């Protein structure tokens, strides 16, 4: 089944009654959703004990998508990332079997350069075989060479909203990672019922759909709306 999630596990007051009253924020969140996107790894390191505590707080079926450090995407700009990526994998290793996809979000100014991108992807794949999604924000990544390189290294293209690079029609199969940032106001604006329904229709059984409009608390509200619709849809199909 598709994983419908939010960026981080904040539970806003308007929907607090949809979650258990007891437990930590993560435990309450994981009682309703099957996955979450960890964004804090982009900004800072965490102790192994922190990841282990998070892993211990959730059911066996729960998964964590984890964002790559900005040292890889924004500081080194995909150049000479071997050591940073290896260190990152070591840090998140306590997540073990509960690790979902890795997310690499590139800065808007980072254009596609095969000379930089290919060694970076090769370095990642030399030590990590799991799912990796990449969210790009420079139009040059819409080119055939860029898409071909991503396909060669099995790096999944992230379908992001608002759309900056890849339109939904650019995906020959349902996107494996969808990130919804909110529009017109990034990170704030909620999605309408109609928009949520449209997005739900593009998801596949192995898709992740992450609501990132967290600044206003809309993410949890929108994710619950989609989850309700998705659950009804799956139940109807099972009849």
C-alpha atoms as a PDB file:
ATOM      1  CA  UNK A   1       0.000   0.000   0.000  1.00  0.00           C
ATOM      2  CA  UNK A   2       1.052   3.583  -0.569  1.00  0.00           C
ATOM      3  CA  UNK A   3       2.550   5.416   2.392  1.00  0.00           C
ATOM      4  CA  UNK A   4       0.776   8.676   3.201  1.00  0.00           C
ATOM      5  CA  UNK A   5       2.825  10.777   5.585  1.00  0.00           C
ATOM      6  CA  UNK A   6       3.923  14.201   6.727  1.00  0.00           C
ATOM      7  CA  UNK A   7       7.292  15.854   7.081  1.00  0.00           C
ATOM      8  CA  UNK A   8       8.039  15.309  10.795  1.00  0.00           C
ATOM      9  CA  UNK A   9       5.354  14.097  13.184  1.00  0.00           C
ATOM     10  CA  UNK A  10       3.773  17.221  14.618  1.00  0.00           C
ATOM     11  CA  UNK A  11       0.121  16.765  15.604  1.00  0.00           C
ATOM     12  CA  UNK A  12      -1.838  20.051  15.443  1.00  0.00           C
ATOM     13  CA  UNK A  13      -4.678  20.666  17.891  1.00  0.00           C
ATOM     14  CA  UNK A  14      -7.521  20.671  15.300  1.00  0.00           C
ATOM     15  CA  UNK A  15      -6.917  16.961  14.575  1.00  0.00           C
ATOM     16  CA  UNK A  16      -5.468  15.835  17.914  1.00  0.00           C
ATOM     17  CA  UNK A  17      -8.567  13.741  18.606  1.00  0.00           C
ATOM     18  CA  UNK A  18      -7.687  11.535  15.609  1.00  0.00           C
ATOM     19  CA  UNK A  19      -4.652  10.240  17.498  1.00  0.00           C
ATOM     20  CA  UNK A  20      -4.250   8.343  20.782  1.00  0.00           C
ATOM     21  CA  UNK A  21      -4.091  10.614  23.806  1.00  0.00           C
ATOM     22  CA  UNK A  22      -1.175   8.805  25.422  1.00  0.00           C
ATOM     23  CA  UNK A  23       2.412   8.297  24.337  1.00  0.00           C
ATOM     24  CA  UNK A  24       5.093  10.439  22.762  1.00  0.00           C
ATOM     25  CA  UNK A  25       4.346  12.533  19.691  1.00  0.00           C
ATOM     26  CA  UNK A  26       5.950   9.907  17.462  1.00  0.00           C
ATOM     27  CA  UNK A  27       4.101   7.030  19.121  1.00  0.00           C
ATOM     28  CA  UNK A  28       0.782   8.811  18.684  1.00  0.00           C
ATOM     29  CA  UNK A  29       1.585   9.677  15.067  1.00  0.00           C
ATOM     30  CA  UNK A  30       2.670   6.106  14.248  1.00  0.00           C
ATOM     31  CA  UNK A  31      -0.625   4.755  15.554  1.00  0.00           C
ATOM     32  CA  UNK A  32      -2.328   6.412  12.577  1.00  0.00           C
ATOM     33  CA  UNK A  33       0.246   6.791   9.791  1.00  0.00           C
ATOM     34  CA  UNK A  34       2.571   4.139   8.359  1.00  0.00           C
ATOM     35  CA  UNK A  35       5.544   6.397   7.664  1.00  0.00           C
ATOM     36  CA  UNK A  36       7.135   9.780   8.231  1.00  0.00           C
ATOM     37  CA  UNK A  37       9.773  11.933   6.558  1.00  0.00           C
ATOM     38  CA  UNK A  38      12.677  13.016   8.769  1.00  0.00           C
ATOM     39  CA  UNK A  39      13.856  16.464   7.640  1.00  0.00           C
ATOM     40  CA  UNK A  40      16.091  17.363  10.571  1.00  0.00           C
ATOM     41  CA  UNK A  41      18.913  15.215   9.182  1.00  0.00           C
ATOM     42  CA  UNK A  42      19.315  17.828   6.460  1.00  0.00           C
ATOM     43  CA  UNK A  43      20.372  20.412   9.041  1.00  0.00           C
ATOM     44  CA  UNK A  44      22.225  18.511  11.756  1.00  0.00           C
ATOM     45  CA  UNK A  45      23.607  15.216  13.000  1.00  0.00           C
ATOM     46  CA  UNK A  46      21.724  13.009  15.418  1.00  0.00           C
ATOM     47  CA  UNK A  47      23.104  10.509  17.878  1.00  0.00           C
ATOM     48  CA  UNK A  48      22.661   6.827  17.182  1.00  0.00           C
ATOM     49  CA  UNK A  49      20.629   6.615  20.386  1.00  0.00           C
ATOM     50  CA  UNK A  50      18.135   9.090  18.931  1.00  0.00           C
ATOM     51  CA  UNK A  51      17.505   6.987  15.817  1.00  0.00           C
ATOM     52  CA  UNK A  52      17.296   3.866  17.960  1.00  0.00           C
ATOM     53  CA  UNK A  53      14.727   5.501  20.227  1.00  0.00           C
ATOM     54  CA  UNK A  54      12.655   6.525  17.231  1.00  0.00           C
ATOM     55  CA  UNK A  55      12.828   3.031  15.762  1.00  0.00           C
ATOM     56  CA  UNK A  56      11.790   1.477  19.064  1.00  0.00           C
ATOM     57  CA  UNK A  57       8.801   3.825  19.368  1.00  0.00           C
ATOM     58  CA  UNK A  58       6.997   2.656  16.217  1.00  0.00           C
ATOM     59  CA  UNK A  59       5.420  -0.595  14.968  1.00  0.00           C
ATOM     60  CA  UNK A  60       7.458  -3.039  12.893  1.00  0.00           C
ATOM     61  CA  UNK A  61       5.589  -2.026   9.739  1.00  0.00           C
ATOM     62  CA  UNK A  62       6.369   1.680  10.159  1.00  0.00           C
ATOM     63  CA  UNK A  63       9.000   3.279   7.890  1.00  0.00           C
ATOM     64  CA  UNK A  64      11.163   6.406   8.083  1.00  0.00           C
ATOM     65  CA  UNK A  65      12.070   8.332   4.930  1.00  0.00           C
ATOM     66  CA  UNK A  66      15.243  10.283   5.692  1.00  0.00           C
ATOM     67  CA  UNK A  67      16.532  13.454   4.035  1.00  0.00           C
ATOM     68  CA  UNK A  68      20.202  13.552   3.053  1.00  0.00           C
ATOM     69  CA  UNK A  69      22.414  16.163   4.752  1.00  0.00           C
ATOM     70  CA  UNK A  70      22.816  19.542   3.094  1.00  0.00           C
ATOM     71  CA  UNK A  71      26.550  18.865   3.089  1.00  0.00           C
ATOM     72  CA  UNK A  72      25.862  16.528   0.153  1.00  0.00           C
ATOM     73  CA  UNK A  73      23.315  18.562  -1.786  1.00  0.00           C
ATOM     74  CA  UNK A  74      23.985  22.212  -0.949  1.00  0.00           C
ATOM     75  CA  UNK A  75      27.559  22.482   0.290  1.00  0.00           C
ATOM     76  CA  UNK A  76      29.427  19.950  -1.815  1.00  0.00           C
ATOM     77  CA  UNK A  77      26.857  20.220  -4.639  1.00  0.00           C
ATOM     78  CA  UNK A  78      27.145  16.452  -5.304  1.00  0.00           C
ATOM     79  CA  UNK A  79      30.955  16.644  -5.571  1.00  0.00           C
ATOM     80  CA  UNK A  80      33.174  14.263  -3.576  1.00  0.00           C
ATOM     81  CA  UNK A  81      30.319  13.050  -1.426  1.00  0.00           C
ATOM     82  CA  UNK A  82      31.589   9.528  -0.713  1.00  0.00           C
ATOM     83  CA  UNK A  83      32.724  10.118   2.850  1.00  0.00           C
ATOM     84  CA  UNK A  84      29.718  12.233   3.857  1.00  0.00           C
ATOM     85  CA  UNK A  85      27.258   9.725   2.431  1.00  0.00           C
ATOM     86  CA  UNK A  86      28.995   6.808   4.113  1.00  0.00           C
ATOM     87  CA  UNK A  87      28.953   8.652   7.448  1.00  0.00           C
ATOM     88  CA  UNK A  88      25.262   9.456   6.989  1.00  0.00           C
ATOM     89  CA  UNK A  89      24.390   5.806   6.411  1.00  0.00           C
ATOM     90  CA  UNK A  90      26.293   4.860   9.534  1.00  0.00           C
ATOM     91  CA  UNK A  91      24.404   7.467  11.581  1.00  0.00           C
ATOM     92  CA  UNK A  92      20.976   6.272  10.505  1.00  0.00           C
ATOM     93  CA  UNK A  93      21.838   2.562  10.727  1.00  0.00           C
ATOM     94  CA  UNK A  94      19.882   2.107  14.016  1.00  0.00           C
ATOM     95  CA  UNK A  95      16.702   2.548  11.965  1.00  0.00           C
ATOM     96  CA  UNK A  96      17.641  -0.816  10.446  1.00  0.00           C
ATOM     97  CA  UNK A  97      14.590  -2.566   8.969  1.00  0.00           C
ATOM     98  CA  UNK A  98      12.416   0.489   9.501  1.00  0.00           C
ATOM     99  CA  UNK A  99      14.352   2.626   7.023  1.00  0.00           C
ATOM    100  CA  UNK A 100      12.323   3.764   4.041  1.00  0.00           C
ATOM    101  CA  UNK A 101      13.564   5.804   1.055  1.00  0.00           C
ATOM    102  CA  UNK A 102      16.360   8.331   1.239  1.00  0.00           C
ATOM    103  CA  UNK A 103      15.531  11.812  -0.054  1.00  0.00           C
ATOM    104  CA  UNK A 104      18.000  14.126  -1.762  1.00  0.00           C
ATOM    105  CA  UNK A 105      16.684  17.656  -2.362  1.00  0.00           C
ATOM    106  CA  UNK A 106      18.908  19.761  -4.585  1.00  0.00           C
ATOM    107  CA  UNK A 107      19.144  23.570  -4.426  1.00  0.00           C
ATOM    108  CA  UNK A 108      17.425  25.608  -7.162  1.00  0.00           C
ATOM    109  CA  UNK A 109      20.755  26.800  -8.559  1.00  0.00           C
ATOM    110  CA  UNK A 110      22.217  23.319  -9.034  1.00  0.00           C
ATOM    111  CA  UNK A 111      22.025  22.563 -12.745  1.00  0.00           C
ATOM    112  CA  UNK A 112      22.503  19.090 -14.165  1.00  0.00           C
ATOM    113  CA  UNK A 113      26.164  18.297 -14.757  1.00  0.00           C
ATOM    114  CA  UNK A 114      26.823  14.705 -15.690  1.00  0.00           C
ATOM    115  CA  UNK A 115      30.457  15.039 -14.655  1.00  0.00           C
ATOM    116  CA  UNK A 116      29.350  15.725 -11.073  1.00  0.00           C
ATOM    117  CA  UNK A 117      26.111  13.767 -10.890  1.00  0.00           C
ATOM    118  CA  UNK A 118      27.334  10.425 -12.205  1.00  0.00           C
ATOM    119  CA  UNK A 119      30.205   9.993  -9.711  1.00  0.00           C
ATOM    120  CA  UNK A 120      27.837  10.996  -6.910  1.00  0.00           C
ATOM    121  CA  UNK A 121      25.191   8.458  -7.902  1.00  0.00           C
ATOM    122  CA  UNK A 122      27.855   5.798  -8.453  1.00  0.00           C
ATOM    123  CA  UNK A 123      29.235   6.467  -4.970  1.00  0.00           C
ATOM    124  CA  UNK A 124      25.784   6.129  -3.439  1.00  0.00           C
ATOM    125  CA  UNK A 125      25.022   2.921  -5.271  1.00  0.00           C
ATOM    126  CA  UNK A 126      28.394   1.392  -4.436  1.00  0.00           C
ATOM    127  CA  UNK A 127      27.335   1.149  -0.784  1.00  0.00           C
ATOM    128  CA  UNK A 128      23.557   1.509  -0.758  1.00  0.00           C
ATOM    129  CA  UNK A 129      21.016  -0.479  -2.760  1.00  0.00           C
ATOM    130  CA  UNK A 130      17.802   0.843  -1.198  1.00  0.00           C
ATOM    131  CA  UNK A 131      15.382   3.389  -2.679  1.00  0.00           C
ATOM    132  CA  UNK A 132      16.664   6.929  -3.213  1.00  0.00           C
ATOM    133  CA  UNK A 133      14.498   9.804  -4.413  1.00  0.00           C
ATOM    134  CA  UNK A 134      15.801  13.080  -5.780  1.00  0.00           C
ATOM    135  CA  UNK A 135      13.902  16.372  -5.804  1.00  0.00           C
ATOM    136  CA  UNK A 136      15.439  18.802  -8.279  1.00  0.00           C
ATOM    137  CA  UNK A 137      14.609  22.459  -8.821  1.00  0.00           C
ATOM    138  CA  UNK A 138      16.630  23.441 -11.898  1.00  0.00           C
ATOM    139  CA  UNK A 139      15.024  22.963 -15.301  1.00  0.00           C
ATOM    140  CA  UNK A 140      18.154  21.357 -16.765  1.00  0.00           C
ATOM    141  CA  UNK A 141      17.226  18.151 -14.930  1.00  0.00           C
ATOM    142  CA  UNK A 142      14.282  17.726 -17.305  1.00  0.00           C
ATOM    143  CA  UNK A 143      16.719  16.825 -20.093  1.00  0.00           C
ATOM    144  CA  UNK A 144      16.964  13.320 -21.549  1.00  0.00           C
ATOM    145  CA  UNK A 145      20.595  12.859 -20.374  1.00  0.00           C
ATOM    146  CA  UNK A 146      19.609  13.713 -16.794  1.00  0.00           C
ATOM    147  CA  UNK A 147      16.624  11.383 -16.786  1.00  0.00           C
ATOM    148  CA  UNK A 148      18.660   8.651 -18.437  1.00  0.00           C
ATOM    149  CA  UNK A 149      21.349   8.936 -15.778  1.00  0.00           C
ATOM    150  CA  UNK A 150      18.811   8.758 -12.968  1.00  0.00           C
ATOM    151  CA  UNK A 151      17.231   5.678 -14.522  1.00  0.00           C
ATOM    152  CA  UNK A 152      20.642   4.030 -14.931  1.00  0.00           C
ATOM    153  CA  UNK A 153      21.373   4.365 -11.233  1.00  0.00           C
ATOM    154  CA  UNK A 154      17.794   3.661 -10.143  1.00  0.00           C
ATOM    155  CA  UNK A 155      17.363   7.070  -8.552  1.00  0.00           C
ATOM    156  CA  UNK A 156      13.653   7.872  -8.348  1.00  0.00           C
ATOM    157  CA  UNK A 157      12.448  11.253  -9.534  1.00  0.00           C
ATOM    158  CA  UNK A 158      10.358  13.060  -6.933  1.00  0.00           C
ATOM    159  CA  UNK A 159       7.134  14.579  -8.160  1.00  0.00           C
ATOM    160  CA  UNK A 160       6.867  17.856  -6.273  1.00  0.00           C
ATOM    161  CA  UNK A 161       4.044  20.361  -5.982  1.00  0.00           C
ATOM    162  CA  UNK A 162       4.263  23.196  -6.894  1.00  0.00           C
ATOM    163  CA  UNK A 163       5.807  21.764 -10.044  1.00  0.00           C
ATOM    164  CA  UNK A 164       9.189  23.229 -10.965  1.00  0.00           C
ATOM    165  CA  UNK A 165      10.744  20.617 -13.230  1.00  0.00           C
ATOM    166  CA  UNK A 166       8.964  17.299 -13.794  1.00  0.00           C
ATOM    167  CA  UNK A 167       5.283  17.341 -14.745  1.00  0.00           C
ATOM    168  CA  UNK A 168       3.189  14.329 -13.855  1.00  0.00           C
ATOM    169  CA  UNK A 169       3.084  13.459 -17.550  1.00  0.00           C
ATOM    170  CA  UNK A 170       6.861  12.989 -17.437  1.00  0.00           C
ATOM    171  CA  UNK A 171       6.444   9.875 -15.276  1.00  0.00           C
ATOM    172  CA  UNK A 172       5.868   6.688 -17.295  1.00  0.00           C
ATOM    173  CA  UNK A 173       4.811   4.941 -14.067  1.00  0.00           C
ATOM    174  CA  UNK A 174       3.290   6.252 -10.827  1.00  0.00           C
ATOM    175  CA  UNK A 175       5.912   8.357  -9.031  1.00  0.00           C
ATOM    176  CA  UNK A 176       7.467   6.533  -6.101  1.00  0.00           C
ATOM    177  CA  UNK A 177       7.886   9.740  -4.095  1.00  0.00           C
ATOM    178  CA  UNK A 178       5.526  12.726  -4.035  1.00  0.00           C
ATOM    179  CA  UNK A 179       6.227  15.851  -1.976  1.00  0.00           C
ATOM    180  CA  UNK A 180       3.464  18.419  -1.487  1.00  0.00           C
ATOM    181  CA  UNK A 181       4.759  21.770  -0.260  1.00  0.00           C
ATOM    182  CA  UNK A 182       1.524  23.743  -0.386  1.00  0.00           C
ATOM    183  CA  UNK A 183       0.488  26.497  -2.781  1.00  0.00           C
ATOM    184  CA  UNK A 184       0.199  29.377  -3.367  1.00  0.00           C
ATOM    185  CA  UNK A 185       2.073  29.892  -0.085  1.00  0.00           C
ATOM    186  CA  UNK A 186       4.854  27.340   0.269  1.00  0.00           C
ATOM    187  CA  UNK A 187       4.782  25.292   3.475  1.00  0.00           C
ATOM    188  CA  UNK A 188       1.541  26.950   4.603  1.00  0.00           C
ATOM    189  CA  UNK A 189      -1.319  26.573   2.131  1.00  0.00           C
ATOM    190  CA  UNK A 190      -3.678  23.611   2.549  1.00  0.00           C
ATOM    191  CA  UNK A 191      -4.863  21.434  -0.324  1.00  0.00           C
ATOM    192  CA  UNK A 192      -8.489  21.282  -1.386  1.00  0.00           C
ATOM    193  CA  UNK A 193     -10.464  18.048  -1.363  1.00  0.00           C
ATOM    194  CA  UNK A 194     -10.383  18.054  -5.169  1.00  0.00           C
ATOM    195  CA  UNK A 195      -6.596  18.501  -5.225  1.00  0.00           C
ATOM    196  CA  UNK A 196      -6.104  15.708  -2.721  1.00  0.00           C
ATOM    197  CA  UNK A 197      -8.302  13.420  -4.807  1.00  0.00           C
ATOM    198  CA  UNK A 198      -6.313  14.245  -7.958  1.00  0.00           C
ATOM    199  CA  UNK A 199      -3.001  13.526  -6.242  1.00  0.00           C
ATOM    200  CA  UNK A 200      -4.331  10.297  -4.777  1.00  0.00           C
ATOM    201  CA  UNK A 201      -5.150   9.043  -8.258  1.00  0.00           C
ATOM    202  CA  UNK A 202      -1.507   9.261  -9.384  1.00  0.00           C
ATOM    203  CA  UNK A 203      -0.149   7.155  -6.525  1.00  0.00           C
ATOM    204  CA  UNK A 204       0.939   3.558  -6.991  1.00  0.00           C
ATOM    205  CA  UNK A 205       1.011   0.796  -4.371  1.00  0.00           C
ATOM    206  CA  UNK A 206       4.677   1.532  -3.578  1.00  0.00           C
ATOM    207  CA  UNK A 207       4.395   5.335  -3.622  1.00  0.00           C
ATOM    208  CA  UNK A 208       5.230   7.667  -0.767  1.00  0.00           C
ATOM    209  CA  UNK A 209       3.144  10.837  -0.532  1.00  0.00           C
ATOM    210  CA  UNK A 210       4.524  13.382   1.934  1.00  0.00           C
ATOM    211  CA  UNK A 211       2.728  16.580   2.902  1.00  0.00           C
ATOM    212  CA  UNK A 212       5.320  19.269   3.637  1.00  0.00           C
ATOM    213  CA  UNK A 213       2.907  22.164   4.279  1.00  0.00           C
ATOM    214  CA  UNK A 214       3.688  21.882   7.967  1.00  0.00           C
ATOM    215  CA  UNK A 215       4.153  25.541   8.949  1.00  0.00           C
ATOM    216  CA  UNK A 216       0.416  26.091   9.384  1.00  0.00           C
ATOM    217  CA  UNK A 217      -0.446  22.593  10.599  1.00  0.00           C
ATOM    218  CA  UNK A 218      -2.101  21.830   7.267  1.00  0.00           C
ATOM    219  CA  UNK A 219       0.086  18.803   6.576  1.00  0.00           C
ATOM    220  CA  UNK A 220      -1.514  16.545   9.173  1.00  0.00           C
ATOM    221  CA  UNK A 221      -5.023  17.685   8.228  1.00  0.00           C
ATOM    222  CA  UNK A 222      -4.417  17.066   4.517  1.00  0.00           C
ATOM    223  CA  UNK A 223      -2.678  13.738   5.129  1.00  0.00           C
ATOM    224  CA  UNK A 224      -5.593  12.503   7.242  1.00  0.00           C
ATOM    225  CA  UNK A 225      -8.029  13.530   4.510  1.00  0.00           C
ATOM    226  CA  UNK A 226      -6.036  11.617   1.930  1.00  0.00           C
ATOM    227  CA  UNK A 227      -5.610   8.628   4.238  1.00  0.00           C
ATOM    228  CA  UNK A 228      -9.340   8.418   4.798  1.00  0.00           C
ATOM    229  CA  UNK A 229     -10.006   8.522   1.058  1.00  0.00           C
ATOM    230  CA  UNK A 230      -7.278   5.992   0.349  1.00  0.00           C
ATOM    231  CA  UNK A 231      -8.494   3.583   3.016  1.00  0.00           C
ATOM    232  CA  UNK A 232     -12.029   3.679   1.601  1.00  0.00           C
ATOM    233  CA  UNK A 233     -10.660   3.135  -1.894  1.00  0.00           C
ATOM    234  CA  UNK A 234      -8.578   0.118  -0.849  1.00  0.00           C
ATOM    235  CA  UNK A 235     -11.519  -1.359   1.053  1.00  0.00           C
ATOM    236  CA  UNK A 236     -13.803  -0.957  -1.955  1.00  0.00           C
ATOM    237  CA  UNK A 237     -11.288  -2.605  -4.268  1.00  0.00           C
ATOM    238  CA  UNK A 238     -10.966  -5.541  -1.884  1.00  0.00           C
ATOM    239  CA  UNK A 239     -14.710  -6.319  -2.077  1.00  0.00           C
END
